[in-house]
Amino acid sequence: AQHSHSLEGWYAHVPGLRILAPATVEDAFGMLGPALADPDPVLLFEHAQLYNVEDEVPDPCVVDLRSARVRRPGTQVTLVTYGGSLPRTLEAARRLAAEGIDAEVIDLR
């Protein structure tokens, strides 16, 4: 039932829209300013679980809206994620590492 409420996938296929899905407090804070300054339309989708997370934000907090971010380097397999799925994906990569599989995690943001 939750998948029907994840509209970011639908909007991502609309030409001309920039879709952002922060997975960390730093990204949520750092994406807001550039999103407001962008001359093109930007939609920012925040995962509900992110609202209860507290973390330090570096000063200055600069986030590149045009590229994904490698959250965990790896060489054997790549796990691609975004938004609220990042913590689970990092946990999966940690479990794979315990089994000897070096997993890279890429956050589409």
N, C-alpha and C. Protein backbone atom coordinates (compact mmCIF):
# COMPACT_ATOMS: atom_id res chain seq x y z
N ALA A 1 0.81 -1.19 0.00
CA ALA A 1 0.00 0.00 0.00
C ALA A 1 0.87 1.26 0.00
N GLN A 2 2.05 1.21 0.61
CA GLN A 2 2.87 2.40 0.70
C GLN A 2 3.43 2.83 -0.65
N HIS A 3 3.61 1.90 -1.57
CA HIS A 3 4.20 2.25 -2.85
C HIS A 3 3.32 3.21 -3.65
N SER A 4 2.02 3.15 -3.45
CA SER A 4 1.14 4.06 -4.17
C SER A 4 1.28 5.49 -3.65
N HIS A 5 1.92 5.66 -2.50
CA HIS A 5 2.12 6.98 -1.92
C HIS A 5 3.51 7.53 -2.21
N SER A 6 4.31 6.81 -2.97
CA SER A 6 5.66 7.26 -3.31
C SER A 6 5.62 7.90 -4.69
N LEU A 7 5.24 9.16 -4.73
CA LEU A 7 5.04 9.84 -6.00
C LEU A 7 6.33 10.31 -6.65
N GLU A 8 7.46 10.27 -5.92
CA GLU A 8 8.70 10.76 -6.50
C GLU A 8 9.10 9.99 -7.76
N GLY A 9 8.79 8.71 -7.83
CA GLY A 9 9.09 7.92 -9.03
C GLY A 9 8.29 8.39 -10.24
N TRP A 10 7.05 8.75 -10.02
CA TRP A 10 6.23 9.25 -11.12
C TRP A 10 6.73 10.61 -11.57
N TYR A 11 6.97 11.50 -10.63
CA TYR A 11 7.44 12.84 -10.98
C TYR A 11 8.82 12.82 -11.64
N ALA A 12 9.64 11.84 -11.30
CA ALA A 12 10.99 11.76 -11.87
C ALA A 12 10.96 11.55 -13.38
N HIS A 13 9.83 11.10 -13.91
CA HIS A 13 9.71 10.86 -15.35
C HIS A 13 9.08 12.03 -16.10
N VAL A 14 8.86 13.14 -15.40
CA VAL A 14 8.30 14.33 -16.04
C VAL A 14 9.45 15.22 -16.49
N PRO A 15 9.61 15.44 -17.79
CA PRO A 15 10.71 16.28 -18.27
C PRO A 15 10.66 17.68 -17.68
N GLY A 16 11.82 18.18 -17.31
CA GLY A 16 11.92 19.54 -16.80
C GLY A 16 11.83 19.66 -15.29
N LEU A 17 11.43 18.60 -14.60
CA LEU A 17 11.37 18.64 -13.14
C LEU A 17 12.64 18.06 -12.54
N ARG A 18 13.13 18.69 -11.49
CA ARG A 18 14.25 18.12 -10.72
C ARG A 18 13.63 17.56 -9.45
N ILE A 19 13.88 16.28 -9.20
CA ILE A 19 13.32 15.59 -8.04
C ILE A 19 14.43 15.32 -7.05
N LEU A 20 14.22 15.71 -5.79
CA LEU A 20 15.20 15.49 -4.73
C LEU A 20 14.57 14.63 -3.65
N ALA A 21 15.35 13.70 -3.12
CA ALA A 21 14.88 12.83 -2.04
C ALA A 21 16.01 12.67 -1.02
N PRO A 22 16.12 13.60 -0.08
CA PRO A 22 17.20 13.52 0.90
C PRO A 22 17.03 12.31 1.82
N ALA A 23 18.17 11.73 2.19
CA ALA A 23 18.17 10.57 3.08
C ALA A 23 18.81 10.89 4.41
N THR A 24 19.45 12.06 4.51
CA THR A 24 20.12 12.45 5.74
C THR A 24 19.70 13.87 6.12
N VAL A 25 19.97 14.22 7.35
CA VAL A 25 19.68 15.58 7.81
C VAL A 25 20.51 16.58 7.02
N GLU A 26 21.78 16.24 6.79
CA GLU A 26 22.66 17.13 6.02
C GLU A 26 22.11 17.38 4.63
N ASP A 27 21.65 16.33 3.95
CA ASP A 27 21.09 16.51 2.61
C ASP A 27 19.81 17.33 2.65
N ALA A 28 18.93 17.05 3.61
CA ALA A 28 17.67 17.79 3.70
C ALA A 28 17.93 19.28 3.90
N PHE A 29 18.87 19.61 4.78
CA PHE A 29 19.21 21.00 5.03
C PHE A 29 19.93 21.62 3.83
N GLY A 30 20.90 20.88 3.29
CA GLY A 30 21.72 21.40 2.21
C GLY A 30 21.02 21.49 0.86
N MET A 31 19.96 20.76 0.66
CA MET A 31 19.24 20.79 -0.61
C MET A 31 18.24 21.94 -0.69
N LEU A 32 17.77 22.41 0.44
CA LEU A 32 16.70 23.40 0.43
C LEU A 32 17.11 24.71 -0.24
N GLY A 33 18.25 25.26 0.13
CA GLY A 33 18.71 26.53 -0.46
C GLY A 33 18.91 26.44 -1.96
N PRO A 34 19.69 25.46 -2.45
CA PRO A 34 19.88 25.35 -3.90
C PRO A 34 18.57 25.05 -4.65
N ALA A 35 17.65 24.32 -4.01
CA ALA A 35 16.36 24.03 -4.65
C ALA A 35 15.56 25.31 -4.84
N LEU A 36 15.59 26.18 -3.84
CA LEU A 36 14.87 27.45 -3.95
C LEU A 36 15.52 28.38 -4.97
N ALA A 37 16.83 28.29 -5.11
CA ALA A 37 17.56 29.17 -6.04
C ALA A 37 17.55 28.65 -7.47
N ASP A 38 17.19 27.39 -7.67
CA ASP A 38 17.21 26.79 -9.00
C ASP A 38 16.14 27.46 -9.87
N PRO A 39 16.49 27.86 -11.10
CA PRO A 39 15.49 28.49 -11.96
C PRO A 39 14.43 27.51 -12.49
N ASP A 40 14.74 26.23 -12.44
CA ASP A 40 13.80 25.21 -12.90
C ASP A 40 12.96 24.70 -11.72
N PRO A 41 11.81 24.08 -12.00
CA PRO A 41 10.98 23.56 -10.92
C PRO A 41 11.67 22.40 -10.19
N VAL A 42 11.62 22.43 -8.88
CA VAL A 42 12.25 21.41 -8.04
C VAL A 42 11.21 20.90 -7.05
N LEU A 43 11.10 19.58 -6.93
CA LEU A 43 10.23 18.96 -5.93
C LEU A 43 11.12 18.23 -4.94
N LEU A 44 10.92 18.48 -3.66
CA LEU A 44 11.72 17.88 -2.60
C LEU A 44 10.83 16.92 -1.83
N PHE A 45 11.14 15.62 -1.91
CA PHE A 45 10.36 14.60 -1.23
C PHE A 45 11.13 14.13 -0.01
N GLU A 46 10.62 14.42 1.17
CA GLU A 46 11.26 14.00 2.41
C GLU A 46 10.55 12.78 2.96
N HIS A 47 11.33 11.79 3.35
CA HIS A 47 10.77 10.58 3.96
C HIS A 47 10.32 10.92 5.38
N ALA A 48 9.17 10.42 5.80
CA ALA A 48 8.61 10.76 7.11
C ALA A 48 9.54 10.37 8.25
N GLN A 49 10.32 9.30 8.11
CA GLN A 49 11.22 8.87 9.18
C GLN A 49 12.36 9.86 9.39
N LEU A 50 12.64 10.69 8.41
CA LEU A 50 13.71 11.67 8.52
C LEU A 50 13.35 12.79 9.51
N TYR A 51 12.07 13.00 9.76
CA TYR A 51 11.65 14.09 10.63
C TYR A 51 12.10 13.89 12.08
N ASN A 52 12.29 12.67 12.52
CA ASN A 52 12.67 12.39 13.90
C ASN A 52 14.18 12.21 14.07
N VAL A 53 14.95 12.39 13.03
CA VAL A 53 16.40 12.18 13.10
C VAL A 53 17.08 13.50 13.47
N GLU A 54 18.00 13.43 14.41
CA GLU A 54 18.80 14.59 14.78
C GLU A 54 20.24 14.31 14.40
N ASP A 55 20.91 15.32 13.84
CA ASP A 55 22.30 15.17 13.43
C ASP A 55 22.93 16.55 13.30
N GLU A 56 24.23 16.58 13.30
CA GLU A 56 24.97 17.83 13.10
C GLU A 56 25.03 18.14 11.61
N VAL A 57 24.95 19.40 11.28
CA VAL A 57 25.07 19.85 9.89
C VAL A 57 26.35 20.68 9.79
N PRO A 58 27.24 20.32 8.86
CA PRO A 58 28.49 21.09 8.74
C PRO A 58 28.22 22.51 8.26
N ASP A 59 29.14 23.38 8.60
CA ASP A 59 29.04 24.77 8.14
C ASP A 59 30.27 25.09 7.32
N PRO A 60 30.19 25.37 6.05
CA PRO A 60 28.96 25.47 5.26
C PRO A 60 28.48 24.09 4.81
N CYS A 61 27.19 23.98 4.59
CA CYS A 61 26.59 22.73 4.11
C CYS A 61 26.29 22.89 2.62
N VAL A 62 27.14 22.32 1.79
CA VAL A 62 27.00 22.43 0.34
C VAL A 62 26.63 21.06 -0.22
N VAL A 63 25.49 21.00 -0.89
CA VAL A 63 25.02 19.74 -1.48
C VAL A 63 24.88 19.93 -2.98
N ASP A 64 25.47 19.02 -3.74
CA ASP A 64 25.38 19.04 -5.20
C ASP A 64 24.06 18.39 -5.62
N LEU A 65 23.15 19.17 -6.18
CA LEU A 65 21.85 18.64 -6.59
C LEU A 65 21.90 17.81 -7.86
N ARG A 66 23.00 17.84 -8.59
CA ARG A 66 23.06 17.21 -9.89
C ARG A 66 23.67 15.81 -9.88
N SER A 67 24.14 15.34 -8.73
CA SER A 67 24.82 14.04 -8.76
C SER A 67 24.44 13.19 -7.55
N ALA A 68 24.57 11.89 -7.75
CA ALA A 68 24.37 10.94 -6.66
C ALA A 68 25.59 10.99 -5.75
N ARG A 69 25.50 10.30 -4.62
CA ARG A 69 26.62 10.29 -3.67
C ARG A 69 26.92 8.86 -3.25
N VAL A 70 28.19 8.52 -3.28
CA VAL A 70 28.61 7.21 -2.81
C VAL A 70 28.62 7.26 -1.28
N ARG A 71 27.74 6.50 -0.67
CA ARG A 71 27.64 6.48 0.79
C ARG A 71 28.55 5.43 1.42
N ARG A 72 28.90 4.42 0.62
CA ARG A 72 29.81 3.38 1.08
C ARG A 72 30.56 2.85 -0.13
N PRO A 73 31.87 2.98 -0.15
CA PRO A 73 32.62 2.43 -1.28
C PRO A 73 32.64 0.91 -1.24
N GLY A 74 32.70 0.31 -2.40
CA GLY A 74 32.77 -1.15 -2.52
C GLY A 74 33.22 -1.53 -3.90
N THR A 75 33.58 -2.79 -4.07
CA THR A 75 34.14 -3.23 -5.35
C THR A 75 33.43 -4.41 -5.99
N GLN A 76 32.58 -5.12 -5.25
CA GLN A 76 32.01 -6.35 -5.80
C GLN A 76 30.57 -6.23 -6.27
N VAL A 77 29.79 -5.38 -5.63
CA VAL A 77 28.39 -5.22 -6.00
C VAL A 77 27.99 -3.79 -5.65
N THR A 78 27.03 -3.26 -6.41
CA THR A 78 26.55 -1.90 -6.16
C THR A 78 25.09 -1.95 -5.77
N LEU A 79 24.75 -1.32 -4.65
CA LEU A 79 23.38 -1.18 -4.20
C LEU A 79 22.98 0.27 -4.41
N VAL A 80 21.88 0.50 -5.13
CA VAL A 80 21.42 1.85 -5.44
C VAL A 80 20.14 2.12 -4.65
N THR A 81 20.09 3.29 -3.99
CA THR A 81 18.96 3.61 -3.13
C THR A 81 18.71 5.11 -3.13
N TYR A 82 17.66 5.53 -2.44
CA TYR A 82 17.40 6.96 -2.23
C TYR A 82 16.45 7.10 -1.05
N GLY A 83 16.41 8.29 -0.50
CA GLY A 83 15.46 8.64 0.55
C GLY A 83 15.52 7.74 1.77
N GLY A 84 14.36 7.37 2.26
CA GLY A 84 14.25 6.59 3.49
C GLY A 84 14.82 5.19 3.43
N SER A 85 15.17 4.70 2.25
CA SER A 85 15.74 3.36 2.13
C SER A 85 17.23 3.32 2.41
N LEU A 86 17.88 4.47 2.53
CA LEU A 86 19.33 4.48 2.73
C LEU A 86 19.77 3.73 3.99
N PRO A 87 19.17 3.94 5.16
CA PRO A 87 19.63 3.20 6.34
C PRO A 87 19.54 1.69 6.17
N ARG A 88 18.48 1.21 5.56
CA ARG A 88 18.33 -0.24 5.35
C ARG A 88 19.35 -0.76 4.35
N THR A 89 19.63 0.04 3.35
CA THR A 89 20.61 -0.37 2.34
C THR A 89 22.01 -0.41 2.94
N LEU A 90 22.34 0.55 3.78
CA LEU A 90 23.64 0.53 4.46
C LEU A 90 23.74 -0.67 5.39
N GLU A 91 22.65 -1.03 6.05
CA GLU A 91 22.63 -2.21 6.90
C GLU A 91 22.83 -3.48 6.06
N ALA A 92 22.19 -3.53 4.90
CA ALA A 92 22.37 -4.68 4.00
C ALA A 92 23.83 -4.78 3.56
N ALA A 93 24.45 -3.65 3.25
CA ALA A 93 25.86 -3.64 2.85
C ALA A 93 26.74 -4.11 3.99
N ARG A 94 26.40 -3.73 5.22
CA ARG A 94 27.16 -4.17 6.39
C ARG A 94 27.05 -5.69 6.56
N ARG A 95 25.86 -6.22 6.36
CA ARG A 95 25.67 -7.67 6.47
C ARG A 95 26.41 -8.41 5.35
N LEU A 96 26.39 -7.85 4.17
CA LEU A 96 27.16 -8.45 3.06
C LEU A 96 28.65 -8.46 3.37
N ALA A 97 29.13 -7.36 3.97
CA ALA A 97 30.55 -7.28 4.33
C ALA A 97 30.92 -8.37 5.33
N ALA A 98 30.00 -8.69 6.24
CA ALA A 98 30.24 -9.75 7.22
C ALA A 98 30.36 -11.11 6.54
N GLU A 99 29.77 -11.23 5.35
CA GLU A 99 29.85 -12.47 4.58
C GLU A 99 30.97 -12.43 3.54
N GLY A 100 31.76 -11.35 3.55
CA GLY A 100 32.90 -11.25 2.64
C GLY A 100 32.59 -10.61 1.30
N ILE A 101 31.45 -9.96 1.19
CA ILE A 101 31.07 -9.30 -0.06
C ILE A 101 31.20 -7.79 0.14
N ASP A 102 32.02 -7.15 -0.69
CA ASP A 102 32.29 -5.73 -0.58
C ASP A 102 31.27 -4.95 -1.43
N ALA A 103 30.26 -4.38 -0.75
CA ALA A 103 29.15 -3.72 -1.44
C ALA A 103 29.30 -2.20 -1.42
N GLU A 104 29.15 -1.59 -2.58
CA GLU A 104 29.10 -0.15 -2.70
C GLU A 104 27.65 0.30 -2.56
N VAL A 105 27.42 1.42 -1.88
CA VAL A 105 26.08 1.98 -1.75
C VAL A 105 26.05 3.36 -2.38
N ILE A 106 25.17 3.53 -3.36
CA ILE A 106 25.02 4.81 -4.04
C ILE A 106 23.63 5.37 -3.70
N ASP A 107 23.63 6.61 -3.21
CA ASP A 107 22.41 7.32 -2.86
C ASP A 107 22.07 8.27 -4.02
N LEU A 108 20.95 8.02 -4.69
CA LEU A 108 20.57 8.85 -5.84
C LEU A 108 20.24 10.28 -5.44
N ARG A 109 19.79 10.50 -4.26
CA ARG A 109 19.43 11.80 -3.71
C ARG A 109 18.42 12.50 -4.57
